[in-house]
Amino acid sequence: MNRREMELERLEENVEQAVLTIDDTKYAVNIEEVEAFISHCKSFMSLNSNSDFELMTQEISDSLVEFSKGDVTMDQIRPQLLFLREVGFLLKSLLTRVEEN
């Protein structure tokens, strides 16, 4: 069974960091990456609510299905592909393993 908890820890003097512990391994949550993700997404999509992320992922799926039929142009799916790239970058950089001293 996975043991998960999230808390604020002081990783450096005067700097608190959100730390996620999964099975006794600590990961720093890189909130700056979340901020960068949202900022990049705003440049090519609407972000009026969190449901816009879900809508975009559904549009990606639908567009790729239609694109495979030849009914959609690359310009029509460009925002969805950019979003997918940003999601990949966010997921890659969201957590950083905390090295124990």
PDB file of N, CA and C in Angstrom:
ATOM      1  N   MET A   1       0.847  -1.178   0.000  1.00  0.00           N
ATOM      2  CA  MET A   1       0.000   0.000   0.000  1.00  0.00           C
ATOM      3  C   MET A   1       0.894   1.242   0.000  1.00  0.00           C
ATOM      4  N   ASN A   2       0.583   2.184  -0.863  1.00  0.00           N
ATOM      5  CA  ASN A   2       1.344   3.422  -0.918  1.00  0.00           C
ATOM      6  C   ASN A   2       0.959   4.324   0.240  1.00  0.00           C
ATOM      7  N   ARG A   3       1.962   4.883   0.865  1.00  0.00           N
ATOM      8  CA  ARG A   3       1.733   5.863   1.913  1.00  0.00           C
ATOM      9  C   ARG A   3       2.066   7.224   1.317  1.00  0.00           C
ATOM     10  N   ARG A   4       1.068   8.126   1.318  1.00  0.00           N
ATOM     11  CA  ARG A   4       1.260   9.440   0.722  1.00  0.00           C
ATOM     12  C   ARG A   4       0.894  10.518   1.719  1.00  0.00           C
ATOM     13  N   GLU A   5       1.692  11.553   1.728  1.00  0.00           N
ATOM     14  CA  GLU A   5       1.358  12.725   2.523  1.00  0.00           C
ATOM     15  C   GLU A   5       2.046  13.929   1.904  1.00  0.00           C
ATOM     16  N   MET A   6       1.459  15.091   2.138  1.00  0.00           N
ATOM     17  CA  MET A   6       2.040  16.316   1.618  1.00  0.00           C
ATOM     18  C   MET A   6       2.108  17.310   2.752  1.00  0.00           C
ATOM     19  N   GLU A   7       3.227  17.978   2.851  1.00  0.00           N
ATOM     20  CA  GLU A   7       3.404  18.954   3.913  1.00  0.00           C
ATOM     21  C   GLU A   7       4.383  20.013   3.462  1.00  0.00           C
ATOM     22  N   LEU A   8       4.432  21.105   4.214  1.00  0.00           N
ATOM     23  CA  LEU A   8       5.437  22.130   3.973  1.00  0.00           C
ATOM     24  C   LEU A   8       6.649  21.817   4.824  1.00  0.00           C
ATOM     25  N   GLU A   9       7.814  21.838   4.209  1.00  0.00           N
ATOM     26  CA  GLU A   9       9.058  21.617   4.936  1.00  0.00           C
ATOM     27  C   GLU A   9       9.998  22.770   4.652  1.00  0.00           C
ATOM     28  N   ARG A  10      10.892  23.010   5.569  1.00  0.00           N
ATOM     29  CA  ARG A  10      11.925  24.018   5.370  1.00  0.00           C
ATOM     30  C   ARG A  10      13.148  23.300   4.807  1.00  0.00           C
ATOM     31  N   LEU A  11      13.307  23.374   3.478  1.00  0.00           N
ATOM     32  CA  LEU A  11      14.425  22.697   2.831  1.00  0.00           C
ATOM     33  C   LEU A  11      15.699  23.524   2.901  1.00  0.00           C
ATOM     34  N   GLU A  12      15.548  24.836   2.919  1.00  0.00           N
ATOM     35  CA  GLU A  12      16.675  25.746   3.075  1.00  0.00           C
ATOM     36  C   GLU A  12      16.262  26.784   4.103  1.00  0.00           C
ATOM     37  N   GLU A  13      17.225  27.513   4.611  1.00  0.00           N
ATOM     38  CA  GLU A  13      16.911  28.530   5.599  1.00  0.00           C
ATOM     39  C   GLU A  13      15.933  29.546   5.018  1.00  0.00           C
ATOM     40  N   ASN A  14      14.844  29.796   5.727  1.00  0.00           N
ATOM     41  CA  ASN A  14      13.804  30.763   5.359  1.00  0.00           C
ATOM     42  C   ASN A  14      13.050  30.417   4.073  1.00  0.00           C
ATOM     43  N   VAL A  15      13.144  29.185   3.589  1.00  0.00           N
ATOM     44  CA  VAL A  15      12.424  28.790   2.376  1.00  0.00           C
ATOM     45  C   VAL A  15      11.593  27.553   2.687  1.00  0.00           C
ATOM     46  N   GLU A  16      10.266  27.706   2.624  1.00  0.00           N
ATOM     47  CA  GLU A  16       9.391  26.556   2.805  1.00  0.00           C
ATOM     48  C   GLU A  16       9.026  25.994   1.446  1.00  0.00           C
ATOM     49  N   GLN A  17       8.954  24.695   1.361  1.00  0.00           N
ATOM     50  CA  GLN A  17       8.689  23.991   0.106  1.00  0.00           C
ATOM     51  C   GLN A  17       7.634  22.930   0.358  1.00  0.00           C
ATOM     52  N   ALA A  18       6.668  22.811  -0.554  1.00  0.00           N
ATOM     53  CA  ALA A  18       5.707  21.714  -0.467  1.00  0.00           C
ATOM     54  C   ALA A  18       6.449  20.426  -0.798  1.00  0.00           C
ATOM     55  N   VAL A  19       6.330  19.444   0.084  1.00  0.00           N
ATOM     56  CA  VAL A  19       7.014  18.163  -0.099  1.00  0.00           C
ATOM     57  C   VAL A  19       5.980  17.052  -0.054  1.00  0.00           C
ATOM     58  N   LEU A  20       6.012  16.205  -1.053  1.00  0.00           N
ATOM     59  CA  LEU A  20       5.131  15.051  -1.152  1.00  0.00           C
ATOM     60  C   LEU A  20       5.957  13.822  -0.818  1.00  0.00           C
ATOM     61  N   THR A  21       5.487  13.021   0.143  1.00  0.00           N
ATOM     62  CA  THR A  21       6.175  11.792   0.514  1.00  0.00           C
ATOM     63  C   THR A  21       5.357  10.610   0.031  1.00  0.00           C
ATOM     64  N   ILE A  22       5.986   9.767  -0.786  1.00  0.00           N
ATOM     65  CA  ILE A  22       5.350   8.557  -1.295  1.00  0.00           C
ATOM     66  C   ILE A  22       6.249   7.390  -0.927  1.00  0.00           C
ATOM     67  N   ASP A  23       5.742   6.472  -0.120  1.00  0.00           N
ATOM     68  CA  ASP A  23       6.515   5.305   0.318  1.00  0.00           C
ATOM     69  C   ASP A  23       7.896   5.697   0.840  1.00  0.00           C
ATOM     70  N   ASP A  24       7.935   6.666   1.731  1.00  0.00           N
ATOM     71  CA  ASP A  24       9.161   7.125   2.385  1.00  0.00           C
ATOM     72  C   ASP A  24      10.148   7.823   1.459  1.00  0.00           C
ATOM     73  N   THR A  25       9.769   8.125   0.230  1.00  0.00           N
ATOM     74  CA  THR A  25      10.612   8.910  -0.668  1.00  0.00           C
ATOM     75  C   THR A  25      10.003  10.294  -0.769  1.00  0.00           C
ATOM     76  N   LYS A  26      10.824  11.321  -0.541  1.00  0.00           N
ATOM     77  CA  LYS A  26      10.342  12.695  -0.544  1.00  0.00           C
ATOM     78  C   LYS A  26      10.593  13.345  -1.900  1.00  0.00           C
ATOM     79  N   TYR A  27       9.565  14.097  -2.362  1.00  0.00           N
ATOM     80  CA  TYR A  27       9.650  14.841  -3.615  1.00  0.00           C
ATOM     81  C   TYR A  27       9.236  16.280  -3.350  1.00  0.00           C
ATOM     82  N   ALA A  28      10.033  17.235  -3.814  1.00  0.00           N
ATOM     83  CA  ALA A  28       9.654  18.640  -3.738  1.00  0.00           C
ATOM     84  C   ALA A  28       8.685  18.923  -4.875  1.00  0.00           C
ATOM     85  N   VAL A  29       7.573  19.570  -4.552  1.00  0.00           N
ATOM     86  CA  VAL A  29       6.592  19.949  -5.566  1.00  0.00           C
ATOM     87  C   VAL A  29       7.040  21.289  -6.148  1.00  0.00           C
ATOM     88  N   ASN A  30       7.311  21.299  -7.436  1.00  0.00           N
ATOM     89  CA  ASN A  30       7.846  22.489  -8.104  1.00  0.00           C
ATOM     90  C   ASN A  30       6.707  23.393  -8.571  1.00  0.00           C
ATOM     91  N   ILE A  31       6.222  24.231  -7.653  1.00  0.00           N
ATOM     92  CA  ILE A  31       5.072  25.080  -7.947  1.00  0.00           C
ATOM     93  C   ILE A  31       5.374  26.054  -9.073  1.00  0.00           C
ATOM     94  N   GLU A  32       6.648  26.429  -9.242  1.00  0.00           N
ATOM     95  CA  GLU A  32       7.016  27.328 -10.336  1.00  0.00           C
ATOM     96  C   GLU A  32       6.696  26.696 -11.688  1.00  0.00           C
ATOM     97  N   GLU A  33       6.822  25.373 -11.773  1.00  0.00           N
ATOM     98  CA  GLU A  33       6.511  24.679 -13.026  1.00  0.00           C
ATOM     99  C   GLU A  33       5.014  24.706 -13.314  1.00  0.00           C
ATOM    100  N   VAL A  34       4.203  24.631 -12.263  1.00  0.00           N
ATOM    101  CA  VAL A  34       2.751  24.736 -12.446  1.00  0.00           C
ATOM    102  C   VAL A  34       2.408  26.137 -12.954  1.00  0.00           C
ATOM    103  N   GLU A  35       3.030  27.150 -12.364  1.00  0.00           N
ATOM    104  CA  GLU A  35       2.797  28.527 -12.806  1.00  0.00           C
ATOM    105  C   GLU A  35       3.222  28.716 -14.257  1.00  0.00           C
ATOM    106  N   ALA A  36       4.379  28.165 -14.633  1.00  0.00           N
ATOM    107  CA  ALA A  36       4.858  28.272 -16.018  1.00  0.00           C
ATOM    108  C   ALA A  36       3.913  27.549 -16.971  1.00  0.00           C
ATOM    109  N   PHE A  37       3.416  26.391 -16.558  1.00  0.00           N
ATOM    110  CA  PHE A  37       2.473  25.623 -17.373  1.00  0.00           C
ATOM    111  C   PHE A  37       1.226  26.448 -17.667  1.00  0.00           C
ATOM    112  N   ILE A  38       0.653  27.040 -16.637  1.00  0.00           N
ATOM    113  CA  ILE A  38      -0.561  27.835 -16.810  1.00  0.00           C
ATOM    114  C   ILE A  38      -0.283  29.045 -17.697  1.00  0.00           C
ATOM    115  N   SER A  39       0.842  29.693 -17.482  1.00  0.00           N
ATOM    116  CA  SER A  39       1.206  30.845 -18.300  1.00  0.00           C
ATOM    117  C   SER A  39       1.359  30.472 -19.767  1.00  0.00           C
ATOM    118  N   HIS A  40       2.036  29.373 -20.053  1.00  0.00           N
ATOM    119  CA  HIS A  40       2.209  28.932 -21.439  1.00  0.00           C
ATOM    120  C   HIS A  40       0.867  28.552 -22.062  1.00  0.00           C
ATOM    121  N   CYS A  41       0.030  27.872 -21.302  1.00  0.00           N
ATOM    122  CA  CYS A  41      -1.275  27.459 -21.833  1.00  0.00           C
ATOM    123  C   CYS A  41      -2.149  28.662 -22.174  1.00  0.00           C
ATOM    124  N   LYS A  42      -2.053  29.727 -21.371  1.00  0.00           N
ATOM    125  CA  LYS A  42      -2.856  30.927 -21.634  1.00  0.00           C
ATOM    126  C   LYS A  42      -2.519  31.555 -22.981  1.00  0.00           C
ATOM    127  N   SER A  43      -1.330  31.275 -23.504  1.00  0.00           N
ATOM    128  CA  SER A  43      -0.939  31.883 -24.777  1.00  0.00           C
ATOM    129  C   SER A  43      -1.659  31.262 -25.967  1.00  0.00           C
ATOM    130  N   PHE A  44      -2.271  30.081 -25.791  1.00  0.00           N
ATOM    131  CA  PHE A  44      -2.927  29.443 -26.933  1.00  0.00           C
ATOM    132  C   PHE A  44      -4.294  28.839 -26.613  1.00  0.00           C
ATOM    133  N   MET A  45      -4.787  29.019 -25.378  1.00  0.00           N
ATOM    134  CA  MET A  45      -6.096  28.460 -25.044  1.00  0.00           C
ATOM    135  C   MET A  45      -6.766  29.279 -23.949  1.00  0.00           C
ATOM    136  N   SER A  46      -8.076  29.126 -23.833  1.00  0.00           N
ATOM    137  CA  SER A  46      -8.859  29.774 -22.792  1.00  0.00           C
ATOM    138  C   SER A  46      -8.622  29.056 -21.469  1.00  0.00           C
ATOM    139  N   LEU A  47      -8.489  29.820 -20.398  1.00  0.00           N
ATOM    140  CA  LEU A  47      -8.349  29.232 -19.061  1.00  0.00           C
ATOM    141  C   LEU A  47      -9.276  29.947 -18.084  1.00  0.00           C
ATOM    142  N   ASN A  48     -10.565  29.806 -18.316  1.00  0.00           N
ATOM    143  CA  ASN A  48     -11.539  30.427 -17.427  1.00  0.00           C
ATOM    144  C   ASN A  48     -11.854  29.559 -16.218  1.00  0.00           C
ATOM    145  N   SER A  49     -11.592  28.255 -16.329  1.00  0.00           N
ATOM    146  CA  SER A  49     -11.819  27.344 -15.206  1.00  0.00           C
ATOM    147  C   SER A  49     -10.968  26.093 -15.408  1.00  0.00           C
ATOM    148  N   ASN A  50     -10.858  25.289 -14.361  1.00  0.00           N
ATOM    149  CA  ASN A  50     -10.095  24.041 -14.466  1.00  0.00           C
ATOM    150  C   ASN A  50     -10.692  23.089 -15.490  1.00  0.00           C
ATOM    151  N   SER A  51     -11.987  23.228 -15.765  1.00  0.00           N
ATOM    152  CA  SER A  51     -12.610  22.334 -16.740  1.00  0.00           C
ATOM    153  C   SER A  51     -12.081  22.582 -18.150  1.00  0.00           C
ATOM    154  N   ASP A  52     -11.436  23.733 -18.377  1.00  0.00           N
ATOM    155  CA  ASP A  52     -10.832  23.988 -19.689  1.00  0.00           C
ATOM    156  C   ASP A  52      -9.726  22.980 -19.988  1.00  0.00           C
ATOM    157  N   PHE A  53      -9.022  22.509 -18.956  1.00  0.00           N
ATOM    158  CA  PHE A  53      -7.991  21.485 -19.163  1.00  0.00           C
ATOM    159  C   PHE A  53      -8.630  20.173 -19.614  1.00  0.00           C
ATOM    160  N   GLU A  54      -9.714  19.792 -18.959  1.00  0.00           N
ATOM    161  CA  GLU A  54     -10.401  18.560 -19.346  1.00  0.00           C
ATOM    162  C   GLU A  54     -10.966  18.678 -20.756  1.00  0.00           C
ATOM    163  N   LEU A  55     -11.545  19.828 -21.059  1.00  0.00           N
ATOM    164  CA  LEU A  55     -12.092  20.048 -22.393  1.00  0.00           C
ATOM    165  C   LEU A  55     -10.992  19.927 -23.447  1.00  0.00           C
ATOM    166  N   MET A  56      -9.826  20.493 -23.175  1.00  0.00           N
ATOM    167  CA  MET A  56      -8.728  20.428 -24.139  1.00  0.00           C
ATOM    168  C   MET A  56      -8.285  18.986 -24.364  1.00  0.00           C
ATOM    169  N   THR A  57      -8.197  18.189 -23.310  1.00  0.00           N
ATOM    170  CA  THR A  57      -7.784  16.793 -23.497  1.00  0.00           C
ATOM    171  C   THR A  57      -8.827  16.025 -24.302  1.00  0.00           C
ATOM    172  N   GLN A  58     -10.098  16.339 -24.105  1.00  0.00           N
ATOM    173  CA  GLN A  58     -11.149  15.697 -24.905  1.00  0.00           C
ATOM    174  C   GLN A  58     -11.054  16.134 -26.363  1.00  0.00           C
ATOM    175  N   GLU A  59     -10.758  17.414 -26.583  1.00  0.00           N
ATOM    176  CA  GLU A  59     -10.601  17.910 -27.948  1.00  0.00           C
ATOM    177  C   GLU A  59      -9.410  17.258 -28.641  1.00  0.00           C
ATOM    178  N   ILE A  60      -8.347  17.006 -27.891  1.00  0.00           N
ATOM    179  CA  ILE A  60      -7.180  16.324 -28.468  1.00  0.00           C
ATOM    180  C   ILE A  60      -7.596  14.962 -28.992  1.00  0.00           C
ATOM    181  N   SER A  61      -8.284  14.231 -28.169  1.00  0.00           N
ATOM    182  CA  SER A  61      -8.730  12.898 -28.571  1.00  0.00           C
ATOM    183  C   SER A  61      -9.632  12.964 -29.798  1.00  0.00           C
ATOM    184  N   ASP A  62     -10.629  13.831 -29.744  1.00  0.00           N
ATOM    185  CA  ASP A  62     -11.569  13.953 -30.861  1.00  0.00           C
ATOM    186  C   ASP A  62     -10.869  14.415 -32.137  1.00  0.00           C
ATOM    187  N   SER A  63      -9.967  15.394 -32.000  1.00  0.00           N
ATOM    188  CA  SER A  63      -9.273  15.927 -33.172  1.00  0.00           C
ATOM    189  C   SER A  63      -8.374  14.895 -33.822  1.00  0.00           C
ATOM    190  N   LEU A  64      -7.685  14.116 -33.006  1.00  0.00           N
ATOM    191  CA  LEU A  64      -6.806  13.098 -33.578  1.00  0.00           C
ATOM    192  C   LEU A  64      -7.595  12.026 -34.306  1.00  0.00           C
ATOM    193  N   VAL A  65      -8.760  11.688 -33.780  1.00  0.00           N
ATOM    194  CA  VAL A  65      -9.622  10.723 -34.471  1.00  0.00           C
ATOM    195  C   VAL A  65     -10.068  11.303 -35.811  1.00  0.00           C
ATOM    196  N   GLU A  66     -10.515  12.563 -35.814  1.00  0.00           N
ATOM    197  CA  GLU A  66     -10.959  13.204 -37.052  1.00  0.00           C
ATOM    198  C   GLU A  66      -9.797  13.429 -38.014  1.00  0.00           C
ATOM    199  N   PHE A  67      -8.620  13.797 -37.471  1.00  0.00           N
ATOM    200  CA  PHE A  67      -7.435  14.038 -38.303  1.00  0.00           C
ATOM    201  C   PHE A  67      -7.058  12.774 -39.056  1.00  0.00           C
ATOM    202  N   SER A  68      -7.212  11.642 -38.394  1.00  0.00           N
ATOM    203  CA  SER A  68      -6.868  10.378 -39.043  1.00  0.00           C
ATOM    204  C   SER A  68      -7.798  10.085 -40.217  1.00  0.00           C
ATOM    205  N   LYS A  69      -8.981  10.697 -40.212  1.00  0.00           N
ATOM    206  CA  LYS A  69      -9.919  10.528 -41.327  1.00  0.00           C
ATOM    207  C   LYS A  69      -9.656  11.545 -42.439  1.00  0.00           C
ATOM    208  N   GLY A  70      -8.782  12.510 -42.176  1.00  0.00           N
ATOM    209  CA  GLY A  70      -8.469  13.524 -43.176  1.00  0.00           C
ATOM    210  C   GLY A  70      -9.405  14.713 -43.174  1.00  0.00           C
ATOM    211  N   ASP A  71     -10.270  14.847 -42.158  1.00  0.00           N
ATOM    212  CA  ASP A  71     -11.246  15.939 -42.109  1.00  0.00           C
ATOM    213  C   ASP A  71     -10.737  17.186 -41.381  1.00  0.00           C
ATOM    214  N   VAL A  72      -9.563  17.121 -40.766  1.00  0.00           N
ATOM    215  CA  VAL A  72      -9.060  18.207 -39.939  1.00  0.00           C
ATOM    216  C   VAL A  72      -7.678  18.617 -40.450  1.00  0.00           C
ATOM    217  N   THR A  73      -7.423  19.931 -40.458  1.00  0.00           N
ATOM    218  CA  THR A  73      -6.109  20.416 -40.887  1.00  0.00           C
ATOM    219  C   THR A  73      -5.174  20.526 -39.683  1.00  0.00           C
ATOM    220  N   MET A  74      -3.887  20.611 -39.968  1.00  0.00           N
ATOM    221  CA  MET A  74      -2.894  20.761 -38.902  1.00  0.00           C
ATOM    222  C   MET A  74      -3.141  22.051 -38.117  1.00  0.00           C
ATOM    223  N   ASP A  75      -3.527  23.128 -38.793  1.00  0.00           N
ATOM    224  CA  ASP A  75      -3.813  24.381 -38.086  1.00  0.00           C
ATOM    225  C   ASP A  75      -4.964  24.229 -37.099  1.00  0.00           C
ATOM    226  N   GLN A  76      -5.908  23.369 -37.405  1.00  0.00           N
ATOM    227  CA  GLN A  76      -7.040  23.166 -36.508  1.00  0.00           C
ATOM    228  C   GLN A  76      -6.648  22.406 -35.244  1.00  0.00           C
ATOM    229  N   ILE A  77      -5.640  21.560 -35.311  1.00  0.00           N
ATOM    230  CA  ILE A  77      -5.259  20.803 -34.106  1.00  0.00           C
ATOM    231  C   ILE A  77      -3.996  21.344 -33.436  1.00  0.00           C
ATOM    232  N   ARG A  78      -3.422  22.419 -33.971  1.00  0.00           N
ATOM    233  CA  ARG A  78      -2.200  22.984 -33.384  1.00  0.00           C
ATOM    234  C   ARG A  78      -2.367  23.324 -31.898  1.00  0.00           C
ATOM    235  N   PRO A  79      -3.447  24.012 -31.451  1.00  0.00           N
ATOM    236  CA  PRO A  79      -3.582  24.309 -30.020  1.00  0.00           C
ATOM    237  C   PRO A  79      -3.600  23.044 -29.151  1.00  0.00           C
ATOM    238  N   GLN A  80      -4.259  22.009 -29.619  1.00  0.00           N
ATOM    239  CA  GLN A  80      -4.317  20.772 -28.847  1.00  0.00           C
ATOM    240  C   GLN A  80      -2.935  20.127 -28.742  1.00  0.00           C
ATOM    241  N   LEU A  81      -2.172  20.161 -29.825  1.00  0.00           N
ATOM    242  CA  LEU A  81      -0.828  19.579 -29.793  1.00  0.00           C
ATOM    243  C   LEU A  81       0.107  20.389 -28.900  1.00  0.00           C
ATOM    244  N   LEU A  82      -0.031  21.714 -28.921  1.00  0.00           N
ATOM    245  CA  LEU A  82       0.768  22.553 -28.023  1.00  0.00           C
ATOM    246  C   LEU A  82       0.424  22.257 -26.564  1.00  0.00           C
ATOM    247  N   PHE A  83      -0.857  22.103 -26.282  1.00  0.00           N
ATOM    248  CA  PHE A  83      -1.280  21.767 -24.924  1.00  0.00           C
ATOM    249  C   PHE A  83      -0.680  20.434 -24.494  1.00  0.00           C
ATOM    250  N   LEU A  84      -0.726  19.456 -25.370  1.00  0.00           N
ATOM    251  CA  LEU A  84      -0.170  18.144 -25.055  1.00  0.00           C
ATOM    252  C   LEU A  84       1.318  18.239 -24.739  1.00  0.00           C
ATOM    253  N   ARG A  85       2.042  19.049 -25.478  1.00  0.00           N
ATOM    254  CA  ARG A  85       3.471  19.257 -25.214  1.00  0.00           C
ATOM    255  C   ARG A  85       3.677  19.872 -23.835  1.00  0.00           C
ATOM    256  N   GLU A  86       2.860  20.886 -23.498  1.00  0.00           N
ATOM    257  CA  GLU A  86       2.981  21.535 -22.187  1.00  0.00           C
ATOM    258  C   GLU A  86       2.652  20.570 -21.050  1.00  0.00           C
ATOM    259  N   VAL A  87       1.648  19.727 -21.231  1.00  0.00           N
ATOM    260  CA  VAL A  87       1.303  18.731 -20.207  1.00  0.00           C
ATOM    261  C   VAL A  87       2.477  17.782 -19.991  1.00  0.00           C
ATOM    262  N   GLY A  88       3.095  17.342 -21.073  1.00  0.00           N
ATOM    263  CA  GLY A  88       4.252  16.459 -20.949  1.00  0.00           C
ATOM    264  C   GLY A  88       5.377  17.117 -20.175  1.00  0.00           C
ATOM    265  N   PHE A  89       5.658  18.386 -20.465  1.00  0.00           N
ATOM    266  CA  PHE A  89       6.711  19.102 -19.749  1.00  0.00           C
ATOM    267  C   PHE A  89       6.346  19.267 -18.283  1.00  0.00           C
ATOM    268  N   LEU A  90       5.087  19.608 -17.999  1.00  0.00           N
ATOM    269  CA  LEU A  90       4.645  19.768 -16.610  1.00  0.00           C
ATOM    270  C   LEU A  90       4.814  18.470 -15.838  1.00  0.00           C
ATOM    271  N   LEU A  91       4.350  17.377 -16.405  1.00  0.00           N
ATOM    272  CA  LEU A  91       4.432  16.096 -15.702  1.00  0.00           C
ATOM    273  C   LEU A  91       5.878  15.686 -15.465  1.00  0.00           C
ATOM    274  N   LYS A  92       6.751  15.987 -16.428  1.00  0.00           N
ATOM    275  CA  LYS A  92       8.167  15.636 -16.287  1.00  0.00           C
ATOM    276  C   LYS A  92       8.827  16.424 -15.157  1.00  0.00           C
ATOM    277  N   SER A  93       8.425  17.680 -14.984  1.00  0.00           N
ATOM    278  CA  SER A  93       9.139  18.551 -14.059  1.00  0.00           C
ATOM    279  C   SER A  93       8.362  18.914 -12.797  1.00  0.00           C
ATOM    280  N   LEU A  94       7.191  18.331 -12.596  1.00  0.00           N
ATOM    281  CA  LEU A  94       6.356  18.690 -11.449  1.00  0.00           C
ATOM    282  C   LEU A  94       7.000  18.314 -10.119  1.00  0.00           C
ATOM    283  N   LEU A  95       7.619  17.148 -10.063  1.00  0.00           N
ATOM    284  CA  LEU A  95       8.234  16.678  -8.821  1.00  0.00           C
ATOM    285  C   LEU A  95       9.734  16.510  -9.011  1.00  0.00           C
ATOM    286  N   THR A  96      10.482  16.888  -7.989  1.00  0.00           N
ATOM    287  CA  THR A  96      11.922  16.675  -7.960  1.00  0.00           C
ATOM    288  C   THR A  96      12.246  15.906  -6.694  1.00  0.00           C
ATOM    289  N   ARG A  97      12.948  14.803  -6.836  1.00  0.00           N
ATOM    290  CA  ARG A  97      13.290  13.995  -5.666  1.00  0.00           C
ATOM    291  C   ARG A  97      14.172  14.801  -4.722  1.00  0.00           C
ATOM    292  N   VAL A  98      13.826  14.777  -3.441  1.00  0.00           N
ATOM    293  CA  VAL A  98      14.585  15.492  -2.417  1.00  0.00           C
ATOM    294  C   VAL A  98      15.716  14.587  -1.969  1.00  0.00           C
ATOM    295  N   GLU A  99      16.923  15.068  -2.117  1.00  0.00           N
ATOM    296  CA  GLU A  99      18.090  14.297  -1.686  1.00  0.00           C
ATOM    297  C   GLU A  99      18.281  14.484  -0.187  1.00  0.00           C
ATOM    298  N   GLU A 100      18.421  13.380   0.501  1.00  0.00           N
ATOM    299  CA  GLU A 100      18.638  13.428   1.949  1.00  0.00           C
ATOM    300  C   GLU A 100      20.089  13.793   2.234  1.00  0.00           C
ATOM    301  N   ASN A 101      20.293  14.669   3.221  1.00  0.00           N
ATOM    302  CA  ASN A 101      21.663  15.051   3.615  1.00  0.00           C
ATOM    303  C   ASN A 101      22.134  14.204   4.758  1.00  0.00           C
TER     304      ASN A 101
END
